[in-house]
């Protein structure tokens, strides 16, 4: 049994692991990385993230 949670992203997918369970879901392809978990309660996850910004001139 794990005593920690892990939130990672791989390509367009986010993977959340906790208590030997894994949830995968699709995220933006502009997501670079998660920077901070703000809140985690009752199955609700709030995070801060860094995204790539494309600028067209």
PDB file of N, CA and C in Angstrom:
ATOM      1  N   UNK A   1       0.843  -1.183   0.000  1.00  0.00           N
ATOM      2  CA  UNK A   1       0.000   0.000   0.000  1.00  0.00           C
ATOM      3  C   UNK A   1       0.889   1.248   0.000  1.00  0.00           C
ATOM      4  N   UNK A   2       0.592   2.184  -0.844  1.00  0.00           N
ATOM      5  CA  UNK A   2       1.336   3.432  -0.913  1.00  0.00           C
ATOM      6  C   UNK A   2       0.812   4.407   0.137  1.00  0.00           C
ATOM      7  N   UNK A   3       1.697   5.265   0.617  1.00  0.00           N
ATOM      8  CA  UNK A   3       1.261   6.294   1.553  1.00  0.00           C
ATOM      9  C   UNK A   3       1.444   7.689   0.952  1.00  0.00           C
ATOM     10  N   UNK A   4       1.476   7.741  -0.361  1.00  0.00           N
ATOM     11  CA  UNK A   4       1.600   9.017  -1.067  1.00  0.00           C
ATOM     12  C   UNK A   4       0.844   8.935  -2.384  1.00  0.00           C
ATOM     13  N   UNK A   5       0.554  10.084  -2.951  1.00  0.00           N
ATOM     14  CA  UNK A   5      -0.111  10.155  -4.254  1.00  0.00           C
ATOM     15  C   UNK A   5       0.884  10.708  -5.262  1.00  0.00           C
ATOM     16  N   UNK A   6       0.679  10.371  -6.536  1.00  0.00           N
ATOM     17  CA  UNK A   6       1.552  10.860  -7.580  1.00  0.00           C
ATOM     18  C   UNK A   6       0.710  11.374  -8.746  1.00  0.00           C
ATOM     19  N   UNK A   7       1.028  12.563  -9.206  1.00  0.00           N
ATOM     20  CA  UNK A   7       0.349  13.184 -10.338  1.00  0.00           C
ATOM     21  C   UNK A   7       1.403  13.489 -11.388  1.00  0.00           C
ATOM     22  N   UNK A   8       1.289  12.876 -12.552  1.00  0.00           N
ATOM     23  CA  UNK A   8       2.263  13.074 -13.623  1.00  0.00           C
ATOM     24  C   UNK A   8       1.538  13.293 -14.940  1.00  0.00           C
ATOM     25  N   UNK A   9       2.264  13.823 -15.906  1.00  0.00           N
ATOM     26  CA  UNK A   9       1.697  13.918 -17.251  1.00  0.00           C
ATOM     27  C   UNK A   9       2.685  13.331 -18.240  1.00  0.00           C
ATOM     28  N   UNK A  10       2.131  12.700 -19.259  1.00  0.00           N
ATOM     29  CA  UNK A  10       2.919  12.069 -20.304  1.00  0.00           C
ATOM     30  C   UNK A  10       2.210  12.347 -21.622  1.00  0.00           C
ATOM     31  N   UNK A  11       2.792  13.245 -22.420  1.00  0.00           N
ATOM     32  CA  UNK A  11       2.118  13.634 -23.659  1.00  0.00           C
ATOM     33  C   UNK A  11       0.817  14.327 -23.343  1.00  0.00           C
ATOM     34  N   UNK A  12      -0.253  13.834 -23.931  1.00  0.00           N
ATOM     35  CA  UNK A  12      -1.557  14.457 -23.681  1.00  0.00           C
ATOM     36  C   UNK A  12      -2.326  13.797 -22.536  1.00  0.00           C
ATOM     37  N   UNK A  13      -1.679  12.907 -21.800  1.00  0.00           N
ATOM     38  CA  UNK A  13      -2.345  12.190 -20.711  1.00  0.00           C
ATOM     39  C   UNK A  13      -1.835  12.627 -19.343  1.00  0.00           C
ATOM     40  N   UNK A  14      -2.733  12.643 -18.370  1.00  0.00           N
ATOM     41  CA  UNK A  14      -2.390  12.847 -16.968  1.00  0.00           C
ATOM     42  C   UNK A  14      -2.675  11.544 -16.244  1.00  0.00           C
ATOM     43  N   UNK A  15      -1.774  11.184 -15.341  1.00  0.00           N
ATOM     44  CA  UNK A  15      -1.908   9.960 -14.564  1.00  0.00           C
ATOM     45  C   UNK A  15      -1.888  10.330 -13.092  1.00  0.00           C
ATOM     46  N   UNK A  16      -2.924   9.918 -12.363  1.00  0.00           N
ATOM     47  CA  UNK A  16      -3.023  10.138 -10.927  1.00  0.00           C
ATOM     48  C   UNK A  16      -3.011   8.778 -10.255  1.00  0.00           C
ATOM     49  N   UNK A  17      -2.065   8.555  -9.343  1.00  0.00           N
ATOM     50  CA  UNK A  17      -1.952   7.277  -8.654  1.00  0.00           C
ATOM     51  C   UNK A  17      -2.038   7.484  -7.147  1.00  0.00           C
ATOM     52  N   UNK A  18      -2.846   6.649  -6.499  1.00  0.00           N
ATOM     53  CA  UNK A  18      -2.959   6.675  -5.045  1.00  0.00           C
ATOM     54  C   UNK A  18      -3.557   5.354  -4.567  1.00  0.00           C
ATOM     55  N   UNK A  19      -3.003   4.843  -3.481  1.00  0.00           N
ATOM     56  CA  UNK A  19      -3.563   3.650  -2.840  1.00  0.00           C
ATOM     57  C   UNK A  19      -3.692   2.488  -3.828  1.00  0.00           C
ATOM     58  N   UNK A  20      -2.652   2.286  -4.629  1.00  0.00           N
ATOM     59  CA  UNK A  20      -2.592   1.213  -5.630  1.00  0.00           C
ATOM     60  C   UNK A  20      -3.688   1.308  -6.691  1.00  0.00           C
ATOM     61  N   UNK A  21      -4.219   2.502  -6.918  1.00  0.00           N
ATOM     62  CA  UNK A  21      -5.211   2.737  -7.966  1.00  0.00           C
ATOM     63  C   UNK A  21      -4.636   3.761  -8.934  1.00  0.00           C
ATOM     64  N   UNK A  22      -4.987   3.654 -10.199  1.00  0.00           N
ATOM     65  CA  UNK A  22      -4.492   4.577 -11.219  1.00  0.00           C
ATOM     66  C   UNK A  22      -5.660   5.110 -12.043  1.00  0.00           C
ATOM     67  N   UNK A  23      -5.680   6.439 -12.207  1.00  0.00           N
ATOM     68  CA  UNK A  23      -6.682   7.103 -13.045  1.00  0.00           C
ATOM     69  C   UNK A  23      -5.918   7.837 -14.141  1.00  0.00           C
ATOM     70  N   UNK A  24      -6.290   7.607 -15.387  1.00  0.00           N
ATOM     71  CA  UNK A  24      -5.675   8.294 -16.526  1.00  0.00           C
ATOM     72  C   UNK A  24      -6.743   9.102 -17.242  1.00  0.00           C
ATOM     73  N   UNK A  25      -6.387  10.320 -17.638  1.00  0.00           N
ATOM     74  CA  UNK A  25      -7.318  11.122 -18.409  1.00  0.00           C
ATOM     75  C   UNK A  25      -6.550  12.034 -19.355  1.00  0.00           C
ATOM     76  N   UNK A  26      -7.223  12.489 -20.397  1.00  0.00           N
ATOM     77  CA  UNK A  26      -6.610  13.331 -21.421  1.00  0.00           C
ATOM     78  C   UNK A  26      -6.599  14.778 -20.957  1.00  0.00           C
ATOM     79  N   UNK A  27      -5.457  15.436 -21.168  1.00  0.00           N
ATOM     80  CA  UNK A  27      -5.312  16.851 -20.845  1.00  0.00           C
ATOM     81  C   UNK A  27      -4.889  17.602 -22.104  1.00  0.00           C
ATOM     82  N   UNK A  28      -4.693  18.876 -21.975  1.00  0.00           N
ATOM     83  CA  UNK A  28      -4.268  19.703 -23.101  1.00  0.00           C
ATOM     84  C   UNK A  28      -2.880  19.292 -23.573  1.00  0.00           C
ATOM     85  N   UNK A  29      -2.660  19.325 -24.866  1.00  0.00           N
ATOM     86  CA  UNK A  29      -1.328  19.024 -25.391  1.00  0.00           C
ATOM     87  C   UNK A  29      -0.341  20.162 -25.122  1.00  0.00           C
ATOM     88  N   UNK A  30      -0.825  21.276 -24.609  1.00  0.00           N
ATOM     89  CA  UNK A  30       0.032  22.409 -24.249  1.00  0.00           C
ATOM     90  C   UNK A  30       0.534  22.336 -22.799  1.00  0.00           C
ATOM     91  N   UNK A  31       0.049  21.348 -22.031  1.00  0.00           N
ATOM     92  CA  UNK A  31       0.480  21.182 -20.648  1.00  0.00           C
ATOM     93  C   UNK A  31       1.949  20.779 -20.605  1.00  0.00           C
ATOM     94  N   UNK A  32       2.766  21.546 -19.889  1.00  0.00           N
ATOM     95  CA  UNK A  32       4.176  21.198 -19.712  1.00  0.00           C
ATOM     96  C   UNK A  32       4.374  20.369 -18.457  1.00  0.00           C
ATOM     97  N   UNK A  33       3.843  20.872 -17.319  1.00  0.00           N
ATOM     98  CA  UNK A  33       3.995  20.136 -16.069  1.00  0.00           C
ATOM     99  C   UNK A  33       3.062  20.709 -15.009  1.00  0.00           C
ATOM    100  N   UNK A  34       2.813  19.895 -13.997  1.00  0.00           N
ATOM    101  CA  UNK A  34       2.075  20.361 -12.833  1.00  0.00           C
ATOM    102  C   UNK A  34       3.078  20.988 -11.867  1.00  0.00           C
ATOM    103  N   UNK A  35       2.737  22.118 -11.290  1.00  0.00           N
ATOM    104  CA  UNK A  35       3.668  22.819 -10.413  1.00  0.00           C
ATOM    105  C   UNK A  35       3.300  22.721  -8.939  1.00  0.00           C
ATOM    106  N   UNK A  36       1.998  22.578  -8.636  1.00  0.00           N
ATOM    107  CA  UNK A  36       1.587  22.541  -7.235  1.00  0.00           C
ATOM    108  C   UNK A  36       0.199  21.928  -7.098  1.00  0.00           C
ATOM    109  N   UNK A  37       0.029  21.113  -6.078  1.00  0.00           N
ATOM    110  CA  UNK A  37      -1.306  20.631  -5.718  1.00  0.00           C
ATOM    111  C   UNK A  37      -1.858  21.605  -4.685  1.00  0.00           C
ATOM    112  N   UNK A  38      -2.942  22.278  -5.023  1.00  0.00           N
ATOM    113  CA  UNK A  38      -3.534  23.290  -4.153  1.00  0.00           C
ATOM    114  C   UNK A  38      -4.490  22.651  -3.151  1.00  0.00           C
ATOM    115  N   UNK A  39      -5.322  21.739  -3.642  1.00  0.00           N
ATOM    116  CA  UNK A  39      -6.320  21.108  -2.773  1.00  0.00           C
ATOM    117  C   UNK A  39      -6.608  19.707  -3.276  1.00  0.00           C
ATOM    118  N   UNK A  40      -6.811  18.781  -2.342  1.00  0.00           N
ATOM    119  CA  UNK A  40      -7.179  17.414  -2.692  1.00  0.00           C
ATOM    120  C   UNK A  40      -8.122  16.927  -1.612  1.00  0.00           C
ATOM    121  N   UNK A  41      -9.412  16.844  -1.946  1.00  0.00           N
ATOM    122  CA  UNK A  41     -10.411  16.492  -0.951  1.00  0.00           C
ATOM    123  C   UNK A  41     -11.652  15.935  -1.635  1.00  0.00           C
ATOM    124  N   UNK A  42     -12.205  14.879  -1.099  1.00  0.00           N
ATOM    125  CA  UNK A  42     -13.461  14.289  -1.589  1.00  0.00           C
ATOM    126  C   UNK A  42     -13.448  14.007  -3.091  1.00  0.00           C
ATOM    127  N   UNK A  43     -12.323  13.531  -3.602  1.00  0.00           N
ATOM    128  CA  UNK A  43     -12.231  13.196  -5.020  1.00  0.00           C
ATOM    129  C   UNK A  43     -12.059  14.394  -5.929  1.00  0.00           C
ATOM    130  N   UNK A  44     -11.828  15.558  -5.352  1.00  0.00           N
ATOM    131  CA  UNK A  44     -11.693  16.789  -6.121  1.00  0.00           C
ATOM    132  C   UNK A  44     -10.243  17.241  -6.030  1.00  0.00           C
ATOM    133  N   UNK A  45      -9.611  17.499  -7.160  1.00  0.00           N
ATOM    134  CA  UNK A  45      -8.200  17.852  -7.208  1.00  0.00           C
ATOM    135  C   UNK A  45      -8.035  19.214  -7.870  1.00  0.00           C
ATOM    136  N   UNK A  46      -7.388  20.140  -7.177  1.00  0.00           N
ATOM    137  CA  UNK A  46      -7.100  21.467  -7.723  1.00  0.00           C
ATOM    138  C   UNK A  46      -5.588  21.594  -7.814  1.00  0.00           C
ATOM    139  N   UNK A  47      -5.088  21.908  -9.010  1.00  0.00           N
ATOM    140  CA  UNK A  47      -3.644  22.011  -9.204  1.00  0.00           C
ATOM    141  C   UNK A  47      -3.281  23.279  -9.957  1.00  0.00           C
ATOM    142  N   UNK A  48      -2.023  23.659  -9.822  1.00  0.00           N
ATOM    143  CA  UNK A  48      -1.439  24.719 -10.637  1.00  0.00           C
ATOM    144  C   UNK A  48      -0.598  24.016 -11.697  1.00  0.00           C
ATOM    145  N   UNK A  49      -0.559  24.592 -12.908  1.00  0.00           N
ATOM    146  CA  UNK A  49       0.180  23.950 -13.990  1.00  0.00           C
ATOM    147  C   UNK A  49       0.841  24.993 -14.880  1.00  0.00           C
ATOM    148  N   UNK A  50       1.865  24.551 -15.582  1.00  0.00           N
ATOM    149  CA  UNK A  50       2.564  25.400 -16.540  1.00  0.00           C
ATOM    150  C   UNK A  50       2.213  24.909 -17.939  1.00  0.00           C
ATOM    151  N   UNK A  51       1.805  25.840 -18.795  1.00  0.00           N
ATOM    152  CA  UNK A  51       1.421  25.514 -20.170  1.00  0.00           C
ATOM    153  C   UNK A  51       2.335  26.239 -21.156  1.00  0.00           C
ATOM    154  N   UNK A  52       2.540  25.637 -22.308  1.00  0.00           N
ATOM    155  CA  UNK A  52       3.260  26.302 -23.391  1.00  0.00           C
ATOM    156  C   UNK A  52       2.343  27.343 -24.003  1.00  0.00           C
ATOM    157  N   UNK A  53       2.920  28.472 -24.371  1.00  0.00           N
ATOM    158  CA  UNK A  53       2.162  29.537 -25.016  1.00  0.00           C
ATOM    159  C   UNK A  53       2.745  29.737 -26.406  1.00  0.00           C
ATOM    160  N   UNK A  54       1.897  29.670 -27.400  1.00  0.00           N
ATOM    161  CA  UNK A  54       2.329  29.909 -28.774  1.00  0.00           C
ATOM    162  C   UNK A  54       1.944  31.321 -29.169  1.00  0.00           C
ATOM    163  N   UNK A  55       2.887  32.027 -29.704  1.00  0.00           N
ATOM    164  CA  UNK A  55       2.613  33.399 -30.152  1.00  0.00           C
ATOM    165  C   UNK A  55       2.796  33.478 -31.659  1.00  0.00           C
ATOM    166  N   UNK A  56       1.788  33.964 -32.305  1.00  0.00           N
ATOM    167  CA  UNK A  56       1.830  34.109 -33.750  1.00  0.00           C
ATOM    168  C   UNK A  56       1.945  35.594 -34.099  1.00  0.00           C
ATOM    169  N   UNK A  57       2.861  35.912 -34.959  1.00  0.00           N
ATOM    170  CA  UNK A  57       3.060  37.316 -35.360  1.00  0.00           C
ATOM    171  C   UNK A  57       2.537  37.511 -36.756  1.00  0.00           C
TER     172      UNK A  57
END
